[in-house]
Amino acid sequence: MTFAWYGHLKNLKSLPLYWAILISWGIAFFEYCLQVPANRIGAGHMSLPQLKVSQEIITMIVFSFFAVLYMKVPLTKNFFFASLCLIFAAYFIFKDAAPK
């Protein structure tokens, strides 16, 4: 979803907005085709909140690489603090989880 949501800011600025939307939705469709089965599989092993926190952590990892390497956004201390918040979120959401 990262490329679908943000890639047009670098690559498609010269296109009309409706083209950027159509292209982004085309990219997102294939990502959804992977995400929906992943959620179905994950639901057998994790609770809904655990699935969501896991998805957000994966999204932020991918976004960090995308932002720094592709969009050339400088790595700042804010990336570190956001990552720290995600680590705490993962800790608290999985803390009392009973193994299945």
N, C-alpha and C. Protein backbone atom coordinates (compact mmCIF):
# COMPACT_ATOMS: atom_id res chain seq x y z
N MET A 1 0.82 -1.19 0.00
CA MET A 1 0.00 0.00 0.00
C MET A 1 0.86 1.25 0.00
N THR A 2 2.05 1.14 0.50
CA THR A 2 2.92 2.31 0.58
C THR A 2 3.14 2.92 -0.79
N PHE A 3 3.49 2.11 -1.76
CA PHE A 3 3.74 2.65 -3.10
C PHE A 3 2.45 3.19 -3.72
N ALA A 4 1.34 2.49 -3.51
CA ALA A 4 0.06 2.95 -4.05
C ALA A 4 -0.33 4.31 -3.46
N TRP A 5 -0.09 4.48 -2.17
CA TRP A 5 -0.50 5.72 -1.51
C TRP A 5 0.46 6.88 -1.74
N TYR A 6 1.76 6.60 -1.81
CA TYR A 6 2.73 7.68 -1.82
C TYR A 6 3.59 7.75 -3.07
N GLY A 7 3.67 6.69 -3.84
CA GLY A 7 4.53 6.66 -5.03
C GLY A 7 4.16 7.71 -6.06
N HIS A 8 2.88 8.03 -6.15
CA HIS A 8 2.45 9.04 -7.13
C HIS A 8 3.00 10.42 -6.82
N LEU A 9 3.38 10.67 -5.58
CA LEU A 9 3.93 11.98 -5.22
C LEU A 9 5.26 12.23 -5.91
N LYS A 10 5.95 11.16 -6.27
CA LYS A 10 7.22 11.30 -6.96
C LYS A 10 7.08 11.06 -8.47
N ASN A 11 6.29 10.07 -8.84
CA ASN A 11 6.27 9.62 -10.23
C ASN A 11 5.15 10.19 -11.10
N LEU A 12 4.04 10.52 -10.52
CA LEU A 12 2.86 10.85 -11.33
C LEU A 12 2.38 12.28 -11.15
N LYS A 13 3.23 13.17 -10.73
CA LYS A 13 2.81 14.56 -10.48
C LYS A 13 2.30 15.26 -11.73
N SER A 14 2.81 14.86 -12.89
CA SER A 14 2.40 15.53 -14.12
C SER A 14 1.07 15.01 -14.65
N LEU A 15 0.60 13.87 -14.16
CA LEU A 15 -0.67 13.31 -14.60
C LEU A 15 -1.83 13.96 -13.86
N PRO A 16 -3.00 13.99 -14.49
CA PRO A 16 -4.19 14.47 -13.77
C PRO A 16 -4.47 13.59 -12.56
N LEU A 17 -5.09 14.15 -11.56
CA LEU A 17 -5.35 13.45 -10.31
C LEU A 17 -6.11 12.15 -10.54
N TYR A 18 -7.10 12.14 -11.43
CA TYR A 18 -7.88 10.93 -11.64
C TYR A 18 -7.02 9.78 -12.15
N TRP A 19 -5.98 10.07 -12.94
CA TRP A 19 -5.07 9.01 -13.39
C TRP A 19 -4.24 8.48 -12.23
N ALA A 20 -3.78 9.38 -11.39
CA ALA A 20 -3.02 8.94 -10.21
C ALA A 20 -3.88 8.04 -9.32
N ILE A 21 -5.14 8.40 -9.17
CA ILE A 21 -6.06 7.60 -8.36
C ILE A 21 -6.26 6.22 -8.99
N LEU A 22 -6.51 6.18 -10.29
CA LEU A 22 -6.73 4.89 -10.97
C LEU A 22 -5.49 4.00 -10.91
N ILE A 23 -4.34 4.57 -11.15
CA ILE A 23 -3.10 3.79 -11.09
C ILE A 23 -2.84 3.30 -9.67
N SER A 24 -3.04 4.17 -8.68
CA SER A 24 -2.83 3.79 -7.28
C SER A 24 -3.78 2.67 -6.87
N TRP A 25 -5.04 2.76 -7.29
CA TRP A 25 -6.00 1.70 -6.95
C TRP A 25 -5.65 0.40 -7.65
N GLY A 26 -5.10 0.49 -8.86
CA GLY A 26 -4.65 -0.72 -9.55
C GLY A 26 -3.53 -1.41 -8.80
N ILE A 27 -2.60 -0.63 -8.28
CA ILE A 27 -1.50 -1.19 -7.48
C ILE A 27 -2.06 -1.76 -6.17
N ALA A 28 -2.93 -1.01 -5.54
CA ALA A 28 -3.49 -1.43 -4.25
C ALA A 28 -4.30 -2.72 -4.37
N PHE A 29 -4.96 -2.92 -5.51
CA PHE A 29 -5.76 -4.13 -5.71
C PHE A 29 -4.91 -5.39 -5.51
N PHE A 30 -3.73 -5.40 -6.09
CA PHE A 30 -2.87 -6.58 -5.97
C PHE A 30 -2.35 -6.76 -4.54
N GLU A 31 -2.12 -5.64 -3.87
CA GLU A 31 -1.70 -5.74 -2.48
C GLU A 31 -2.83 -6.27 -1.60
N TYR A 32 -4.05 -5.84 -1.88
CA TYR A 32 -5.20 -6.37 -1.15
C TYR A 32 -5.37 -7.86 -1.39
N CYS A 33 -5.07 -8.31 -2.60
CA CYS A 33 -5.17 -9.74 -2.92
C CYS A 33 -4.23 -10.58 -2.06
N LEU A 34 -3.17 -9.97 -1.55
CA LEU A 34 -2.26 -10.65 -0.64
C LEU A 34 -2.66 -10.44 0.82
N GLN A 35 -3.14 -9.25 1.13
CA GLN A 35 -3.44 -8.90 2.52
C GLN A 35 -4.64 -9.65 3.07
N VAL A 36 -5.68 -9.81 2.27
CA VAL A 36 -6.89 -10.47 2.75
C VAL A 36 -6.60 -11.93 3.14
N PRO A 37 -5.94 -12.71 2.28
CA PRO A 37 -5.61 -14.08 2.72
C PRO A 37 -4.66 -14.10 3.92
N ALA A 38 -3.74 -13.15 3.98
CA ALA A 38 -2.82 -13.10 5.13
C ALA A 38 -3.60 -12.87 6.42
N ASN A 39 -4.61 -12.01 6.39
CA ASN A 39 -5.43 -11.78 7.58
C ASN A 39 -6.23 -13.02 7.95
N ARG A 40 -6.75 -13.71 6.94
CA ARG A 40 -7.50 -14.94 7.22
C ARG A 40 -6.61 -15.97 7.89
N ILE A 41 -5.40 -16.13 7.38
CA ILE A 41 -4.46 -17.10 7.96
C ILE A 41 -4.04 -16.65 9.36
N GLY A 42 -3.71 -15.35 9.49
CA GLY A 42 -3.27 -14.82 10.78
C GLY A 42 -4.33 -14.89 11.85
N ALA A 43 -5.61 -14.79 11.46
CA ALA A 43 -6.70 -14.81 12.43
C ALA A 43 -6.78 -16.15 13.16
N GLY A 44 -6.21 -17.18 12.57
CA GLY A 44 -6.17 -18.48 13.24
C GLY A 44 -5.09 -18.58 14.30
N HIS A 45 -4.22 -17.58 14.35
CA HIS A 45 -3.08 -17.64 15.27
C HIS A 45 -2.99 -16.43 16.20
N MET A 46 -3.65 -15.33 15.84
CA MET A 46 -3.56 -14.10 16.63
C MET A 46 -4.95 -13.50 16.81
N SER A 47 -5.09 -12.66 17.82
CA SER A 47 -6.33 -11.93 18.01
C SER A 47 -6.38 -10.77 17.00
N LEU A 48 -7.55 -10.18 16.86
CA LEU A 48 -7.70 -9.06 15.94
C LEU A 48 -6.78 -7.88 16.29
N PRO A 49 -6.69 -7.48 17.57
CA PRO A 49 -5.74 -6.41 17.90
C PRO A 49 -4.28 -6.77 17.60
N GLN A 50 -3.92 -8.03 17.82
CA GLN A 50 -2.56 -8.46 17.50
C GLN A 50 -2.30 -8.41 16.00
N LEU A 51 -3.30 -8.81 15.21
CA LEU A 51 -3.16 -8.71 13.75
C LEU A 51 -2.93 -7.27 13.32
N LYS A 52 -3.72 -6.35 13.90
CA LYS A 52 -3.62 -4.95 13.52
C LYS A 52 -2.27 -4.35 13.89
N VAL A 53 -1.82 -4.61 15.10
CA VAL A 53 -0.52 -4.07 15.52
C VAL A 53 0.60 -4.66 14.66
N SER A 54 0.53 -5.94 14.37
CA SER A 54 1.53 -6.57 13.50
C SER A 54 1.53 -5.93 12.12
N GLN A 55 0.35 -5.69 11.59
CA GLN A 55 0.23 -5.05 10.27
C GLN A 55 0.82 -3.64 10.30
N GLU A 56 0.57 -2.90 11.35
CA GLU A 56 1.11 -1.53 11.44
C GLU A 56 2.63 -1.54 11.55
N ILE A 57 3.17 -2.50 12.28
CA ILE A 57 4.63 -2.60 12.40
C ILE A 57 5.25 -2.91 11.04
N ILE A 58 4.67 -3.87 10.33
CA ILE A 58 5.17 -4.20 8.99
C ILE A 58 5.06 -2.99 8.07
N THR A 59 3.93 -2.30 8.13
CA THR A 59 3.72 -1.11 7.30
C THR A 59 4.76 -0.04 7.59
N MET A 60 5.06 0.21 8.86
CA MET A 60 6.03 1.25 9.20
C MET A 60 7.45 0.85 8.80
N ILE A 61 7.77 -0.43 8.87
CA ILE A 61 9.09 -0.88 8.42
C ILE A 61 9.22 -0.64 6.92
N VAL A 62 8.21 -1.07 6.18
CA VAL A 62 8.23 -0.88 4.72
C VAL A 62 8.25 0.61 4.39
N PHE A 63 7.41 1.39 5.09
CA PHE A 63 7.36 2.83 4.82
C PHE A 63 8.70 3.50 5.11
N SER A 64 9.37 3.08 6.17
CA SER A 64 10.67 3.68 6.50
C SER A 64 11.67 3.48 5.37
N PHE A 65 11.75 2.25 4.87
CA PHE A 65 12.65 1.99 3.75
C PHE A 65 12.23 2.77 2.51
N PHE A 66 10.94 2.79 2.24
CA PHE A 66 10.40 3.53 1.09
C PHE A 66 10.73 5.01 1.19
N ALA A 67 10.48 5.60 2.36
CA ALA A 67 10.70 7.03 2.55
C ALA A 67 12.17 7.40 2.40
N VAL A 68 13.04 6.62 3.02
CA VAL A 68 14.47 6.95 3.01
C VAL A 68 15.12 6.61 1.68
N LEU A 69 14.87 5.41 1.16
CA LEU A 69 15.57 4.97 -0.04
C LEU A 69 14.94 5.46 -1.34
N TYR A 70 13.62 5.49 -1.42
CA TYR A 70 12.96 5.84 -2.68
C TYR A 70 12.60 7.33 -2.75
N MET A 71 12.01 7.83 -1.67
CA MET A 71 11.57 9.24 -1.67
C MET A 71 12.66 10.19 -1.18
N LYS A 72 13.78 9.64 -0.69
CA LYS A 72 14.93 10.43 -0.25
C LYS A 72 14.61 11.35 0.93
N VAL A 73 13.75 10.88 1.83
CA VAL A 73 13.45 11.61 3.05
C VAL A 73 14.56 11.30 4.04
N PRO A 74 15.15 12.31 4.66
CA PRO A 74 16.25 12.03 5.60
C PRO A 74 15.76 11.26 6.82
N LEU A 75 16.60 10.35 7.28
CA LEU A 75 16.31 9.59 8.49
C LEU A 75 16.53 10.51 9.68
N THR A 76 15.51 10.63 10.52
CA THR A 76 15.59 11.54 11.67
C THR A 76 15.32 10.79 12.96
N LYS A 77 15.48 11.49 14.05
CA LYS A 77 15.19 10.89 15.35
C LYS A 77 13.71 10.54 15.47
N ASN A 78 12.85 11.19 14.71
CA ASN A 78 11.42 10.88 14.76
C ASN A 78 11.15 9.45 14.29
N PHE A 79 11.92 8.96 13.31
CA PHE A 79 11.79 7.56 12.90
C PHE A 79 12.09 6.65 14.09
N PHE A 80 13.13 6.98 14.82
CA PHE A 80 13.51 6.19 15.99
C PHE A 80 12.40 6.20 17.03
N PHE A 81 11.86 7.36 17.35
CA PHE A 81 10.81 7.45 18.36
C PHE A 81 9.53 6.75 17.92
N ALA A 82 9.18 6.86 16.65
CA ALA A 82 8.01 6.15 16.14
C ALA A 82 8.23 4.64 16.25
N SER A 83 9.43 4.19 15.93
CA SER A 83 9.75 2.76 16.05
C SER A 83 9.67 2.30 17.49
N LEU A 84 10.14 3.13 18.40
CA LEU A 84 10.06 2.81 19.82
C LEU A 84 8.61 2.66 20.27
N CYS A 85 7.75 3.55 19.80
CA CYS A 85 6.32 3.44 20.12
C CYS A 85 5.73 2.13 19.60
N LEU A 86 6.14 1.73 18.40
CA LEU A 86 5.65 0.47 17.85
C LEU A 86 6.16 -0.73 18.64
N ILE A 87 7.38 -0.65 19.13
CA ILE A 87 7.90 -1.73 19.96
C ILE A 87 7.07 -1.85 21.24
N PHE A 88 6.75 -0.72 21.85
CA PHE A 88 5.91 -0.75 23.05
C PHE A 88 4.51 -1.27 22.72
N ALA A 89 3.96 -0.86 21.57
CA ALA A 89 2.64 -1.35 21.17
C ALA A 89 2.66 -2.87 21.02
N ALA A 90 3.70 -3.39 20.37
CA ALA A 90 3.81 -4.84 20.21
C ALA A 90 3.94 -5.52 21.57
N TYR A 91 4.75 -4.96 22.44
CA TYR A 91 4.93 -5.55 23.77
C TYR A 91 3.59 -5.65 24.50
N PHE A 92 2.84 -4.54 24.53
CA PHE A 92 1.60 -4.53 25.30
C PHE A 92 0.50 -5.39 24.66
N ILE A 93 0.44 -5.43 23.34
CA ILE A 93 -0.63 -6.19 22.69
C ILE A 93 -0.38 -7.69 22.78
N PHE A 94 0.91 -8.09 22.84
CA PHE A 94 1.23 -9.51 22.93
C PHE A 94 1.56 -9.97 24.35
N LYS A 95 1.64 -9.03 25.29
CA LYS A 95 2.10 -9.32 26.66
C LYS A 95 1.32 -10.44 27.33
N ASP A 96 0.02 -10.38 27.28
CA ASP A 96 -0.80 -11.36 27.99
C ASP A 96 -1.36 -12.42 27.06
N ALA A 97 -0.82 -12.51 25.87
CA ALA A 97 -1.33 -13.50 24.90
C ALA A 97 -0.92 -14.90 25.32
N ALA A 98 -1.89 -15.74 25.39
CA ALA A 98 -1.61 -17.15 25.68
C ALA A 98 -1.20 -17.85 24.40
N PRO A 99 -0.15 -18.64 24.43
CA PRO A 99 0.25 -19.36 23.21
C PRO A 99 -0.83 -20.34 22.78
N LYS A 100 -1.00 -20.46 21.46
CA LYS A 100 -2.00 -21.38 20.92
C LYS A 100 -1.37 -22.67 20.49
